[in-house]
Amino acid sequence: MLFGRKDKDVRLTDEQLKKVTNGMSKKERREFDRRQDELRREREEDRLLGWLEFEDELDDM
């Protein structure tokens, strides 16, 4: 689970996630899941860009 900070990746158990999402309406839950997917994609993109930059630096050596 991600909370909008690129340097933090919070791991929750299934029970903890259920407590967080239990009181949400279906609309709120869809928005929550959509935002989690968006943050996950952003992190993956950042990771890939970092790797490409690292490879470019190695190529320049």
C-alpha atoms as a PDB file:
ATOM      1  CA  MET A   1       0.000   0.000   0.000  1.00  0.00           C
ATOM      2  CA  LEU A   2       1.348   3.386  -0.937  1.00  0.00           C
ATOM      3  CA  PHE A   3       0.435   6.705   0.581  1.00  0.00           C
ATOM      4  CA  GLY A   4       1.742   9.211  -1.941  1.00  0.00           C
ATOM      5  CA  ARG A   5       5.350   9.307  -0.781  1.00  0.00           C
ATOM      6  CA  LYS A   6       7.786   7.831  -3.226  1.00  0.00           C
ATOM      7  CA  ASP A   7      10.190   6.842  -0.455  1.00  0.00           C
ATOM      8  CA  LYS A   8       7.609   4.931   1.587  1.00  0.00           C
ATOM      9  CA  ASP A   9       6.036   1.585   0.825  1.00  0.00           C
ATOM     10  CA  VAL A  10       3.783   0.575   3.695  1.00  0.00           C
ATOM     11  CA  ARG A  11       3.052  -3.110   4.040  1.00  0.00           C
ATOM     12  CA  LEU A  12      -0.258  -4.034   5.647  1.00  0.00           C
ATOM     13  CA  THR A  13      -1.569  -7.431   6.544  1.00  0.00           C
ATOM     14  CA  ASP A  14      -4.876  -8.485   5.012  1.00  0.00           C
ATOM     15  CA  GLU A  15      -6.558  -7.797   8.343  1.00  0.00           C
ATOM     16  CA  GLN A  16      -5.112  -4.282   8.558  1.00  0.00           C
ATOM     17  CA  LEU A  17      -6.162  -3.519   4.976  1.00  0.00           C
ATOM     18  CA  LYS A  18      -9.654  -4.770   5.750  1.00  0.00           C
ATOM     19  CA  LYS A  19      -9.826  -2.390   8.739  1.00  0.00           C
ATOM     20  CA  VAL A  20      -8.717   0.538   6.552  1.00  0.00           C
ATOM     21  CA  THR A  21     -11.169  -0.171   3.745  1.00  0.00           C
ATOM     22  CA  ASN A  22     -14.079  -1.634   5.715  1.00  0.00           C
ATOM     23  CA  GLY A  23     -15.871   1.678   6.272  1.00  0.00           C
ATOM     24  CA  MET A  24     -15.484   2.879   2.695  1.00  0.00           C
ATOM     25  CA  SER A  25     -18.350   3.104   0.273  1.00  0.00           C
ATOM     26  CA  LYS A  26     -18.007   1.302  -3.054  1.00  0.00           C
ATOM     27  CA  LYS A  27     -17.151   4.607  -4.738  1.00  0.00           C
ATOM     28  CA  GLU A  28     -14.501   5.431  -2.125  1.00  0.00           C
ATOM     29  CA  ARG A  29     -13.052   1.923  -2.433  1.00  0.00           C
ATOM     30  CA  ARG A  30     -12.817   2.176  -6.238  1.00  0.00           C
ATOM     31  CA  GLU A  31     -11.069   5.544  -5.884  1.00  0.00           C
ATOM     32  CA  PHE A  32      -8.737   4.100  -3.226  1.00  0.00           C
ATOM     33  CA  ASP A  33      -7.844   1.110  -5.425  1.00  0.00           C
ATOM     34  CA  ARG A  34      -7.392   3.371  -8.474  1.00  0.00           C
ATOM     35  CA  ARG A  35      -5.028   5.640  -6.528  1.00  0.00           C
ATOM     36  CA  GLN A  36      -3.046   2.646  -5.249  1.00  0.00           C
ATOM     37  CA  ASP A  37      -2.627   1.368  -8.811  1.00  0.00           C
ATOM     38  CA  GLU A  38      -1.573   4.835  -9.972  1.00  0.00           C
ATOM     39  CA  LEU A  39       1.035   5.167  -7.209  1.00  0.00           C
ATOM     40  CA  ARG A  40       2.315   1.643  -7.922  1.00  0.00           C
ATOM     41  CA  ARG A  41       2.761   2.498 -11.634  1.00  0.00           C
ATOM     42  CA  GLU A  42       4.583   5.728 -10.747  1.00  0.00           C
ATOM     43  CA  ARG A  43       6.982   3.835  -8.491  1.00  0.00           C
ATOM     44  CA  GLU A  44       7.641   1.255 -11.176  1.00  0.00           C
ATOM     45  CA  GLU A  45       8.304   4.002 -13.749  1.00  0.00           C
ATOM     46  CA  ASP A  46      10.697   5.734 -11.336  1.00  0.00           C
ATOM     47  CA  ARG A  47      12.503   2.449 -10.714  1.00  0.00           C
ATOM     48  CA  LEU A  48      12.879   1.796 -14.461  1.00  0.00           C
ATOM     49  CA  LEU A  49      14.079   5.341 -15.164  1.00  0.00           C
ATOM     50  CA  GLY A  50      16.615   5.048 -12.359  1.00  0.00           C
ATOM     51  CA  TRP A  51      17.894   1.791 -13.802  1.00  0.00           C
ATOM     52  CA  LEU A  52      18.199   3.305 -17.292  1.00  0.00           C
ATOM     53  CA  GLU A  53      20.129   6.280 -15.912  1.00  0.00           C
ATOM     54  CA  PHE A  54      22.422   3.888 -14.053  1.00  0.00           C
ATOM     55  CA  GLU A  55      23.065   1.899 -17.232  1.00  0.00           C
ATOM     56  CA  ASP A  56      23.808   5.122 -19.141  1.00  0.00           C
ATOM     57  CA  GLU A  57      26.358   6.086 -16.491  1.00  0.00           C
ATOM     58  CA  LEU A  58      27.991   2.662 -16.776  1.00  0.00           C
ATOM     59  CA  ASP A  59      28.136   3.028 -20.573  1.00  0.00           C
ATOM     60  CA  ASP A  60      29.894   6.393 -20.187  1.00  0.00           C
ATOM     61  CA  MET A  61      32.696   4.877 -18.112  1.00  0.00           C
END
